[in-house]
N, C-alpha and C. Protein backbone atom coordinates (compact mmCIF):
# COMPACT_ATOMS: atom_id res chain seq x y z
N MET A 1 97.23 109.00 109.13
CA MET A 1 97.32 107.86 108.25
C MET A 1 96.23 107.97 107.19
N ILE A 2 96.62 107.73 105.94
CA ILE A 2 95.66 107.78 104.84
C ILE A 2 95.09 106.38 104.63
N CYS A 3 93.78 106.31 104.54
CA CYS A 3 93.13 105.01 104.33
C CYS A 3 92.53 104.98 102.94
N MET A 4 92.88 103.96 102.19
CA MET A 4 92.33 103.77 100.85
C MET A 4 91.73 102.37 100.79
N PRO A 5 90.65 102.23 100.07
CA PRO A 5 90.08 100.88 99.94
C PRO A 5 91.06 99.99 99.16
N ILE A 6 91.45 98.88 99.77
CA ILE A 6 92.45 98.00 99.18
C ILE A 6 91.92 97.28 97.96
N ASP A 7 90.61 97.15 97.85
CA ASP A 7 90.05 96.45 96.69
C ASP A 7 89.82 97.38 95.50
N ASP A 8 90.23 98.63 95.64
CA ASP A 8 90.15 99.57 94.55
C ASP A 8 90.95 99.02 93.37
N ALA A 9 90.38 99.08 92.17
CA ALA A 9 91.02 98.51 90.98
C ALA A 9 92.39 99.10 90.72
N ARG A 10 92.56 100.39 90.96
CA ARG A 10 93.87 101.02 90.74
C ARG A 10 94.90 100.51 91.73
N MET A 11 94.49 100.29 92.96
CA MET A 11 95.41 99.78 93.97
C MET A 11 95.84 98.35 93.61
N LEU A 12 94.90 97.53 93.19
CA LEU A 12 95.24 96.16 92.80
C LEU A 12 96.16 96.16 91.59
N CYS A 13 95.92 97.06 90.66
CA CYS A 13 96.79 97.18 89.48
C CYS A 13 98.20 97.57 89.92
N TRP A 14 98.31 98.50 90.85
CA TRP A 14 99.61 98.93 91.35
C TRP A 14 100.32 97.77 92.05
N LEU A 15 99.59 97.02 92.86
CA LEU A 15 100.19 95.87 93.55
C LEU A 15 100.67 94.82 92.55
N ARG A 16 99.91 94.59 91.48
CA ARG A 16 100.34 93.65 90.44
C ARG A 16 101.61 94.15 89.76
N SER A 17 101.69 95.45 89.54
CA SER A 17 102.91 96.00 88.92
C SER A 17 104.11 95.82 89.84
N GLN A 18 103.89 95.93 91.15
CA GLN A 18 104.97 95.71 92.10
C GLN A 18 105.44 94.25 92.06
N LEU A 19 104.50 93.35 91.87
CA LEU A 19 104.85 91.94 91.76
C LEU A 19 105.71 91.70 90.51
N ARG A 20 105.37 92.37 89.41
CA ARG A 20 106.17 92.24 88.18
C ARG A 20 107.57 92.81 88.40
N VAL A 21 107.67 93.92 89.11
CA VAL A 21 108.98 94.51 89.41
C VAL A 21 109.81 93.54 90.25
N LEU A 22 109.20 92.95 91.27
CA LEU A 22 109.92 91.98 92.10
C LEU A 22 110.38 90.79 91.27
N SER A 23 109.55 90.34 90.34
CA SER A 23 109.93 89.21 89.47
C SER A 23 111.13 89.57 88.62
N ALA A 24 111.11 90.75 88.03
CA ALA A 24 112.23 91.19 87.20
C ALA A 24 113.50 91.35 88.02
N TRP A 25 113.38 91.90 89.21
CA TRP A 25 114.52 92.09 90.10
C TRP A 25 115.10 90.73 90.48
N ARG A 26 114.23 89.80 90.80
CA ARG A 26 114.64 88.44 91.17
C ARG A 26 115.42 87.80 90.02
N GLU A 27 114.91 87.91 88.80
CA GLU A 27 115.59 87.35 87.63
C GLU A 27 116.97 87.97 87.44
N GLU A 28 117.04 89.28 87.62
CA GLU A 28 118.32 89.96 87.47
C GLU A 28 119.33 89.50 88.52
N LEU A 29 118.89 89.40 89.76
CA LEU A 29 119.79 88.97 90.83
C LEU A 29 120.31 87.56 90.61
N VAL A 30 119.46 86.68 90.15
CA VAL A 30 119.85 85.28 89.95
C VAL A 30 120.92 85.17 88.86
N CYS A 31 120.89 86.07 87.89
CA CYS A 31 121.84 86.02 86.78
C CYS A 31 123.21 86.60 87.11
N ARG A 32 123.31 87.34 88.17
CA ARG A 32 124.59 87.96 88.56
C ARG A 32 125.49 86.96 89.26
N ASN A 33 126.79 87.05 88.99
CA ASN A 33 127.76 86.17 89.64
C ASN A 33 127.97 86.52 91.10
N GLU A 34 127.93 87.81 91.42
CA GLU A 34 128.24 88.26 92.78
C GLU A 34 127.01 88.38 93.68
N THR A 35 125.92 87.77 93.32
CA THR A 35 124.67 87.89 94.06
C THR A 35 124.77 87.25 95.44
N ASP A 36 124.26 87.96 96.42
CA ASP A 36 124.16 87.48 97.79
C ASP A 36 122.91 86.58 97.87
N LEU A 37 123.10 85.32 98.17
CA LEU A 37 121.98 84.37 98.21
C LEU A 37 120.95 84.76 99.28
N GLU A 38 121.40 85.37 100.35
CA GLU A 38 120.46 85.82 101.38
C GLU A 38 119.52 86.89 100.82
N ALA A 39 120.05 87.78 99.98
CA ALA A 39 119.22 88.82 99.36
C ALA A 39 118.20 88.19 98.43
N VAL A 40 118.61 87.19 97.67
CA VAL A 40 117.69 86.50 96.76
C VAL A 40 116.59 85.81 97.56
N THR A 41 116.96 85.18 98.67
CA THR A 41 115.99 84.51 99.52
C THR A 41 114.97 85.49 100.08
N ARG A 42 115.44 86.63 100.57
CA ARG A 42 114.52 87.65 101.11
C ARG A 42 113.59 88.18 100.02
N LEU A 43 114.14 88.42 98.84
CA LEU A 43 113.33 88.90 97.73
C LEU A 43 112.28 87.87 97.33
N GLU A 44 112.67 86.61 97.29
CA GLU A 44 111.73 85.53 96.96
C GLU A 44 110.61 85.43 97.99
N GLN A 45 110.96 85.57 99.27
CA GLN A 45 109.95 85.53 100.33
C GLN A 45 108.96 86.68 100.17
N HIS A 46 109.48 87.86 99.86
CA HIS A 46 108.61 89.02 99.68
C HIS A 46 107.71 88.82 98.46
N HIS A 47 108.27 88.28 97.39
CA HIS A 47 107.50 88.01 96.18
C HIS A 47 106.36 87.03 96.49
N GLN A 48 106.67 85.96 97.21
CA GLN A 48 105.65 84.97 97.55
C GLN A 48 104.57 85.58 98.44
N TRP A 49 104.99 86.41 99.40
CA TRP A 49 104.02 87.05 100.29
C TRP A 49 103.09 87.96 99.50
N LEU A 50 103.67 88.80 98.62
CA LEU A 50 102.84 89.73 97.85
C LEU A 50 101.89 88.98 96.92
N HIS A 51 102.38 87.91 96.32
CA HIS A 51 101.53 87.10 95.45
C HIS A 51 100.35 86.51 96.24
N ALA A 52 100.63 85.99 97.42
CA ALA A 52 99.58 85.42 98.27
C ALA A 52 98.57 86.50 98.68
N GLU A 53 99.06 87.69 99.00
CA GLU A 53 98.17 88.79 99.38
C GLU A 53 97.27 89.18 98.21
N LEU A 54 97.85 89.25 97.02
CA LEU A 54 97.04 89.58 95.85
C LEU A 54 95.97 88.53 95.59
N GLU A 55 96.32 87.27 95.76
CA GLU A 55 95.31 86.21 95.60
C GLU A 55 94.20 86.34 96.63
N ARG A 56 94.57 86.74 97.84
CA ARG A 56 93.58 86.91 98.90
C ARG A 56 92.67 88.10 98.60
N LEU A 57 93.25 89.21 98.13
CA LEU A 57 92.48 90.42 97.86
C LEU A 57 91.67 90.33 96.58
N ASP A 58 92.20 89.60 95.60
CA ASP A 58 91.55 89.52 94.29
C ASP A 58 91.66 88.09 93.77
N PRO A 59 90.68 87.26 94.06
CA PRO A 59 90.74 85.85 93.63
C PRO A 59 90.98 85.68 92.13
N ALA A 60 90.66 86.68 91.31
CA ALA A 60 90.92 86.59 89.87
C ALA A 60 92.40 86.51 89.58
N THR A 61 93.24 86.94 90.53
CA THR A 61 94.69 86.87 90.37
C THR A 61 95.14 85.43 90.15
N ARG A 62 94.45 84.49 90.76
CA ARG A 62 94.81 83.08 90.61
C ARG A 62 94.73 82.65 89.16
N LEU A 63 93.78 83.23 88.44
CA LEU A 63 93.58 82.85 87.03
C LEU A 63 94.65 83.46 86.14
N HIS A 64 95.21 84.61 86.54
CA HIS A 64 96.16 85.31 85.70
C HIS A 64 97.60 85.13 86.16
N GLY A 65 97.79 84.49 87.31
CA GLY A 65 99.09 84.14 87.81
C GLY A 65 99.98 85.21 88.18
């Protein structure tokens, strides 16, 4: 197992980019007519979890949303 410091600035930047990807994916799914609501719910839960983790790891995230 590879261990990297989670507070590394590059890692936090990567996690923020993942949050942006989840946001874009969520927006796309909501706009589709054939979207599975269960998939949207799971994606939203993951987005909320990742956002909360980023706030925990980097309190400055709260300021930038």
